[in-house]
Amino acid sequence: MPSALDTPQGAAELAEPLLPPLGNLWLHTHAVAARAQEASPAVPEGERDLLVAAAWLHDIGYAPELKKTGFHPQPCTSTP
């Protein structure tokens, strides 16, 4: 069953209050969403909104409100 999070607008509305405190990560999320929008013609039409929605949400686990759950404890760019 589709939800509002399956749409770019719904995903952006969820990310917007959670990610801005992270500064550059919020800017990165905007850039990824823009790139996904540009690339969306490469996927089937019925999947385009989902691609862009996923871009808006791909780093949502870094949000301070969610990070404490351990959902996404390490940045993907960290090195050992």
C-alpha atoms as a PDB file:
ATOM      1  CA  MET A   1       0.000   0.000   0.000  1.00  0.00           C
ATOM      2  CA  PRO A   2       1.553   3.332  -1.065  1.00  0.00           C
ATOM      3  CA  SER A   3       2.105   6.019   1.547  1.00  0.00           C
ATOM      4  CA  ALA A   4       2.918   9.711   1.472  1.00  0.00           C
ATOM      5  CA  LEU A   5       6.569   8.727   1.880  1.00  0.00           C
ATOM      6  CA  ASP A   6       6.444   7.170  -1.582  1.00  0.00           C
ATOM      7  CA  THR A   7       6.171  10.660  -3.059  1.00  0.00           C
ATOM      8  CA  PRO A   8       9.001  13.168  -3.344  1.00  0.00           C
ATOM      9  CA  GLN A   9       6.898  15.798  -1.581  1.00  0.00           C
ATOM     10  CA  GLY A  10       5.997  13.513   1.327  1.00  0.00           C
ATOM     11  CA  ALA A  11       9.581  12.338   1.755  1.00  0.00           C
ATOM     12  CA  ALA A  12      10.941  15.894   1.607  1.00  0.00           C
ATOM     13  CA  GLU A  13       8.364  17.000   4.195  1.00  0.00           C
ATOM     14  CA  LEU A  14       9.535  14.244   6.537  1.00  0.00           C
ATOM     15  CA  ALA A  15      13.226  15.025   6.016  1.00  0.00           C
ATOM     16  CA  GLU A  16      12.874  18.798   6.270  1.00  0.00           C
ATOM     17  CA  PRO A  17      12.397  19.113  10.031  1.00  0.00           C
ATOM     18  CA  LEU A  18      14.891  16.335  10.825  1.00  0.00           C
ATOM     19  CA  LEU A  19      17.994  16.947   8.715  1.00  0.00           C
ATOM     20  CA  PRO A  20      18.688  20.734   8.671  1.00  0.00           C
ATOM     21  CA  PRO A  21      20.464  20.657  12.065  1.00  0.00           C
ATOM     22  CA  LEU A  22      23.079  18.483  10.344  1.00  0.00           C
ATOM     23  CA  GLY A  23      24.175  21.312   8.036  1.00  0.00           C
ATOM     24  CA  ASN A  24      26.178  19.874   5.165  1.00  0.00           C
ATOM     25  CA  LEU A  25      24.280  16.591   5.300  1.00  0.00           C
ATOM     26  CA  TRP A  26      21.072  18.524   4.615  1.00  0.00           C
ATOM     27  CA  LEU A  27      22.744  20.227   1.650  1.00  0.00           C
ATOM     28  CA  HIS A  28      23.965  16.813   0.486  1.00  0.00           C
ATOM     29  CA  THR A  29      20.421  15.428   0.735  1.00  0.00           C
ATOM     30  CA  HIS A  30      19.103  18.279  -1.422  1.00  0.00           C
ATOM     31  CA  ALA A  31      21.802  17.563  -4.006  1.00  0.00           C
ATOM     32  CA  VAL A  32      21.062  13.826  -4.043  1.00  0.00           C
ATOM     33  CA  ALA A  33      17.335  14.485  -4.473  1.00  0.00           C
ATOM     34  CA  ALA A  34      18.045  16.880  -7.349  1.00  0.00           C
ATOM     35  CA  ARG A  35      20.314  14.321  -9.022  1.00  0.00           C
ATOM     36  CA  ALA A  36      17.691  11.598  -8.566  1.00  0.00           C
ATOM     37  CA  GLN A  37      15.125  13.858 -10.220  1.00  0.00           C
ATOM     38  CA  GLU A  38      17.503  14.376 -13.143  1.00  0.00           C
ATOM     39  CA  ALA A  39      18.131  10.619 -13.429  1.00  0.00           C
ATOM     40  CA  SER A  40      14.493   9.602 -13.007  1.00  0.00           C
ATOM     41  CA  PRO A  41      13.772   9.326 -16.757  1.00  0.00           C
ATOM     42  CA  ALA A  42      16.137   6.341 -16.760  1.00  0.00           C
ATOM     43  CA  VAL A  43      13.736   4.257 -14.643  1.00  0.00           C
ATOM     44  CA  PRO A  44      10.202   3.134 -15.451  1.00  0.00           C
ATOM     45  CA  GLU A  45       7.674   5.941 -15.088  1.00  0.00           C
ATOM     46  CA  GLY A  46       5.891   4.226 -12.212  1.00  0.00           C
ATOM     47  CA  GLU A  47       9.133   4.118 -10.187  1.00  0.00           C
ATOM     48  CA  ARG A  48      10.312   7.698 -10.678  1.00  0.00           C
ATOM     49  CA  ASP A  49       8.620   9.201  -7.639  1.00  0.00           C
ATOM     50  CA  LEU A  50       9.915   6.367  -5.476  1.00  0.00           C
ATOM     51  CA  LEU A  51      13.478   6.989  -6.695  1.00  0.00           C
ATOM     52  CA  VAL A  52      13.301  10.673  -5.735  1.00  0.00           C
ATOM     53  CA  ALA A  53      11.562   9.905  -2.420  1.00  0.00           C
ATOM     54  CA  ALA A  54      14.338   7.440  -1.575  1.00  0.00           C
ATOM     55  CA  ALA A  55      16.909  10.132  -2.308  1.00  0.00           C
ATOM     56  CA  TRP A  56      15.209  12.479   0.187  1.00  0.00           C
ATOM     57  CA  LEU A  57      15.221   9.767   2.852  1.00  0.00           C
ATOM     58  CA  HIS A  58      18.549   8.015   2.246  1.00  0.00           C
ATOM     59  CA  ASP A  59      20.287   9.690   5.239  1.00  0.00           C
ATOM     60  CA  ILE A  60      17.280  10.106   7.524  1.00  0.00           C
ATOM     61  CA  GLY A  61      18.903   7.798  10.085  1.00  0.00           C
ATOM     62  CA  TYR A  62      21.462  10.501  10.884  1.00  0.00           C
ATOM     63  CA  ALA A  63      18.747  12.795  12.269  1.00  0.00           C
ATOM     64  CA  PRO A  64      19.400  13.396  15.968  1.00  0.00           C
ATOM     65  CA  GLU A  65      15.890  12.211  16.831  1.00  0.00           C
ATOM     66  CA  LEU A  66      16.487   8.890  15.065  1.00  0.00           C
ATOM     67  CA  LYS A  67      20.211   8.369  15.563  1.00  0.00           C
ATOM     68  CA  LYS A  68      19.708   7.536  19.227  1.00  0.00           C
ATOM     69  CA  THR A  69      17.799   4.435  18.128  1.00  0.00           C
ATOM     70  CA  GLY A  70      20.957   3.030  16.541  1.00  0.00           C
ATOM     71  CA  PHE A  71      19.248   2.842  13.171  1.00  0.00           C
ATOM     72  CA  HIS A  72      22.212   4.411  11.339  1.00  0.00           C
ATOM     73  CA  PRO A  73      25.053   4.680  13.852  1.00  0.00           C
ATOM     74  CA  GLN A  74      28.009   5.258  11.488  1.00  0.00           C
ATOM     75  CA  PRO A  75      28.405   7.661   8.581  1.00  0.00           C
ATOM     76  CA  CYS A  76      28.931   5.708   5.382  1.00  0.00           C
ATOM     77  CA  THR A  77      32.022   7.821   4.690  1.00  0.00           C
ATOM     78  CA  SER A  78      33.769   6.866   7.927  1.00  0.00           C
ATOM     79  CA  THR A  79      37.068   5.027   7.704  1.00  0.00           C
ATOM     80  CA  PRO A  80      38.290   2.387  10.134  1.00  0.00           C
END
